[in-house]
């Protein structure tokens, strides 16, 4: 209780969560539109990388491209990203909480396969339907996700072994 007898508002003392949303190098207007619609109802700072999308957000900060997304990942408490493998692995390597959104406009089901395995192992939260994004954003801050550790890369050893057998 404050000196004037009032209870402090939780939002005054709670650090704002930073939510960074990325769609990669293509476009994923459905994701950008959904997060833009949710932004006014979140107490959080929302920054969106919109790529080549046509939809321009009205309720949150945005940009198309940056030389590196690392500064945005580093600042973010939660990353919401398209289900591309490169972005997924970058975010997981940084140890950030990740909501990975499957882009159903992709040609095949490669995102389904990758996200399914990583979600099952507890490394990320898989958003299969944008209608669930709001509830996921509420639950993720209190969730405990596993830290992803990349397996050792043995490509150089394999190539060296192969070449030695050719001699």
Protein backbone atom coordinates (compact mmCIF):
# COMPACT_ATOMS: atom_id res chain seq x y z
CA UNK A 1 0.00 0.00 0.00
CA UNK A 2 1.22 3.49 -0.85
CA UNK A 3 1.43 6.42 1.60
CA UNK A 4 -1.84 7.83 0.31
CA UNK A 5 -3.62 4.56 1.15
CA UNK A 6 -3.97 3.46 -2.48
CA UNK A 7 -2.91 0.08 -3.79
CA UNK A 8 -0.24 0.33 -6.52
CA UNK A 9 -1.38 -0.74 -9.95
CA UNK A 10 0.34 -3.91 -11.03
CA UNK A 11 1.02 -2.52 -14.53
CA UNK A 12 2.91 0.48 -13.11
CA UNK A 13 5.50 -1.72 -11.41
CA UNK A 14 5.64 -4.60 -13.85
CA UNK A 15 8.36 -4.30 -16.49
CA UNK A 16 6.78 -4.30 -19.93
CA UNK A 17 7.38 -7.49 -21.82
CA UNK A 18 8.87 -7.05 -25.28
CA UNK A 19 7.28 -9.20 -27.96
CA UNK A 20 9.19 -9.39 -31.22
CA UNK A 21 7.39 -10.81 -34.24
CA UNK A 22 9.23 -11.85 -37.39
CA UNK A 23 7.99 -13.20 -40.71
CA UNK A 24 11.40 -13.64 -42.34
CA UNK A 25 12.23 -12.68 -45.89
CA UNK A 26 8.88 -13.41 -47.50
CA UNK A 27 5.48 -12.33 -46.23
CA UNK A 28 3.04 -13.69 -43.70
CA UNK A 29 0.34 -11.04 -43.63
CA UNK A 30 -2.04 -13.25 -41.63
CA UNK A 31 0.40 -13.26 -38.68
CA UNK A 32 1.11 -9.53 -38.94
CA UNK A 33 -2.61 -8.71 -39.08
CA UNK A 34 -3.36 -10.92 -36.06
CA UNK A 35 -0.61 -9.46 -33.85
CA UNK A 36 -1.60 -5.94 -34.91
CA UNK A 37 -5.20 -6.65 -33.85
CA UNK A 38 -4.00 -8.00 -30.47
CA UNK A 39 -1.43 -5.25 -29.77
CA UNK A 40 -3.88 -2.69 -28.28
CA UNK A 41 -5.00 -5.27 -25.71
CA UNK A 42 -1.52 -6.29 -24.62
CA UNK A 43 0.39 -4.41 -21.92
CA UNK A 44 3.52 -5.24 -23.83
CA UNK A 45 5.73 -3.52 -26.37
CA UNK A 46 5.21 -5.19 -29.76
CA UNK A 47 7.76 -4.86 -32.57
CA UNK A 48 7.05 -6.53 -35.92
CA UNK A 49 9.35 -7.33 -38.83
CA UNK A 50 6.94 -7.47 -41.79
CA UNK A 51 9.27 -8.53 -44.62
CA UNK A 52 7.67 -8.18 -48.04
CA UNK A 53 4.14 -8.19 -46.65
CA UNK A 54 1.42 -5.90 -47.91
CA UNK A 55 -0.27 -5.34 -44.54
CA UNK A 56 1.06 -2.33 -42.61
CA UNK A 57 0.49 -2.47 -38.82
CA UNK A 58 -1.38 0.40 -37.20
CA UNK A 59 -1.02 -0.56 -33.53
CA UNK A 60 2.62 -1.53 -33.11
CA UNK A 61 6.14 -0.65 -34.19
CA UNK A 62 7.26 -2.28 -37.42
CA UNK A 63 10.00 -2.44 -40.03
CA UNK A 64 10.54 -4.47 -43.19
CA UNK A 65 14.15 -5.69 -42.94
CA UNK A 66 17.26 -5.12 -40.86
CA UNK A 67 20.90 -6.11 -41.42
CA UNK A 68 20.51 -8.47 -38.44
CA UNK A 69 17.61 -9.46 -36.23
CA UNK A 70 19.96 -10.23 -33.33
CA UNK A 71 19.36 -6.89 -31.53
CA UNK A 72 15.60 -7.53 -31.67
CA UNK A 73 15.97 -11.12 -30.45
CA UNK A 74 18.24 -9.93 -27.65
CA UNK A 75 15.73 -7.30 -26.48
CA UNK A 76 12.72 -9.63 -26.73
CA UNK A 77 11.23 -11.58 -23.87
CA UNK A 78 9.02 -13.52 -26.28
CA UNK A 79 9.57 -14.09 -30.00
CA UNK A 80 6.66 -14.93 -32.27
CA UNK A 81 7.98 -16.19 -35.59
CA UNK A 82 7.01 -17.91 -38.79
CA UNK A 83 7.90 -21.60 -38.71
CA UNK A 84 10.99 -21.39 -40.93
CA UNK A 85 13.91 -23.53 -39.83
CA UNK A 86 16.56 -20.77 -39.96
CA UNK A 87 14.61 -18.36 -37.76
CA UNK A 88 13.52 -21.13 -35.42
CA UNK A 89 17.08 -22.28 -34.80
CA UNK A 90 18.39 -18.70 -34.38
CA UNK A 91 15.80 -17.94 -31.71
CA UNK A 92 16.28 -21.26 -29.90
CA UNK A 93 20.06 -20.75 -29.87
CA UNK A 94 19.47 -17.45 -28.04
CA UNK A 95 17.38 -19.18 -25.37
CA UNK A 96 14.31 -17.04 -26.00
CA UNK A 97 10.75 -18.15 -25.43
CA UNK A 98 9.43 -18.90 -28.90
CA UNK A 99 5.93 -19.15 -30.25
CA UNK A 100 6.42 -20.58 -33.71
CA UNK A 101 3.52 -20.03 -36.09
CA UNK A 102 3.07 -22.50 -38.89
CA UNK A 103 2.63 -20.74 -42.22
CA UNK A 104 0.01 -22.87 -43.90
CA UNK A 105 0.60 -21.15 -47.24
CA UNK A 106 3.91 -23.05 -47.63
CA UNK A 107 4.10 -25.55 -50.47
CA UNK A 108 4.66 -28.64 -48.34
CA UNK A 109 4.43 -29.77 -44.72
CA UNK A 110 8.08 -29.25 -43.75
CA UNK A 111 7.14 -26.71 -41.06
CA UNK A 112 4.61 -29.13 -39.59
CA UNK A 113 7.26 -31.84 -39.27
CA UNK A 114 9.94 -29.59 -37.73
CA UNK A 115 7.66 -27.67 -35.38
CA UNK A 116 5.92 -30.85 -34.28
CA UNK A 117 9.18 -32.43 -33.12
CA UNK A 118 10.53 -29.28 -31.43
CA UNK A 119 7.21 -28.62 -29.64
CA UNK A 120 6.94 -32.25 -28.50
CA UNK A 121 10.45 -32.01 -27.03
CA UNK A 122 9.45 -28.82 -25.16
CA UNK A 123 11.73 -26.33 -26.92
CA UNK A 124 9.00 -24.05 -28.29
CA UNK A 125 5.27 -23.43 -28.38
CA UNK A 126 3.69 -24.38 -31.69
CA UNK A 127 0.85 -22.13 -32.85
CA UNK A 128 -1.06 -24.16 -35.43
CA UNK A 129 -3.98 -21.74 -35.60
CA UNK A 130 -3.74 -17.94 -35.34
CA UNK A 131 -7.03 -17.93 -33.40
CA UNK A 132 -5.06 -19.36 -30.44
CA UNK A 133 -2.27 -16.75 -30.50
CA UNK A 134 -3.87 -14.51 -27.85
CA UNK A 135 -4.17 -17.34 -25.32
CA UNK A 136 -0.63 -18.52 -26.09
CA UNK A 137 0.76 -15.02 -25.48
CA UNK A 138 -0.92 -15.06 -22.05
CA UNK A 139 0.44 -18.51 -21.12
CA UNK A 140 3.99 -18.40 -22.48
CA UNK A 141 5.52 -16.00 -19.89
CA UNK A 142 4.87 -18.51 -17.10
CA UNK A 143 5.85 -21.58 -19.13
CA UNK A 144 9.12 -23.39 -18.67
CA UNK A 145 10.62 -24.34 -22.02
CA UNK A 146 13.70 -26.49 -22.49
CA UNK A 147 16.92 -24.79 -23.57
CA UNK A 148 17.97 -26.06 -27.00
CA UNK A 149 21.56 -27.17 -27.31
CA UNK A 150 22.67 -27.93 -30.87
CA UNK A 151 24.26 -31.34 -31.32
CA UNK A 152 27.95 -31.35 -32.20
CA UNK A 153 28.63 -30.83 -35.88
CA UNK A 154 30.66 -33.64 -37.38
CA UNK A 155 30.56 -32.61 -41.05
CA UNK A 156 34.30 -31.81 -41.20
CA UNK A 157 35.14 -35.21 -39.69
CA UNK A 158 32.89 -37.04 -42.15
CA UNK A 159 34.44 -35.23 -45.13
CA UNK A 160 37.95 -35.85 -43.85
CA UNK A 161 37.21 -39.58 -43.37
CA UNK A 162 35.69 -39.79 -46.84
CA UNK A 163 38.66 -38.08 -48.47
CA UNK A 164 41.17 -40.26 -46.61
CA UNK A 165 39.50 -43.38 -48.04
CA UNK A 166 39.92 -42.01 -51.58
CA UNK A 167 43.71 -41.92 -51.26
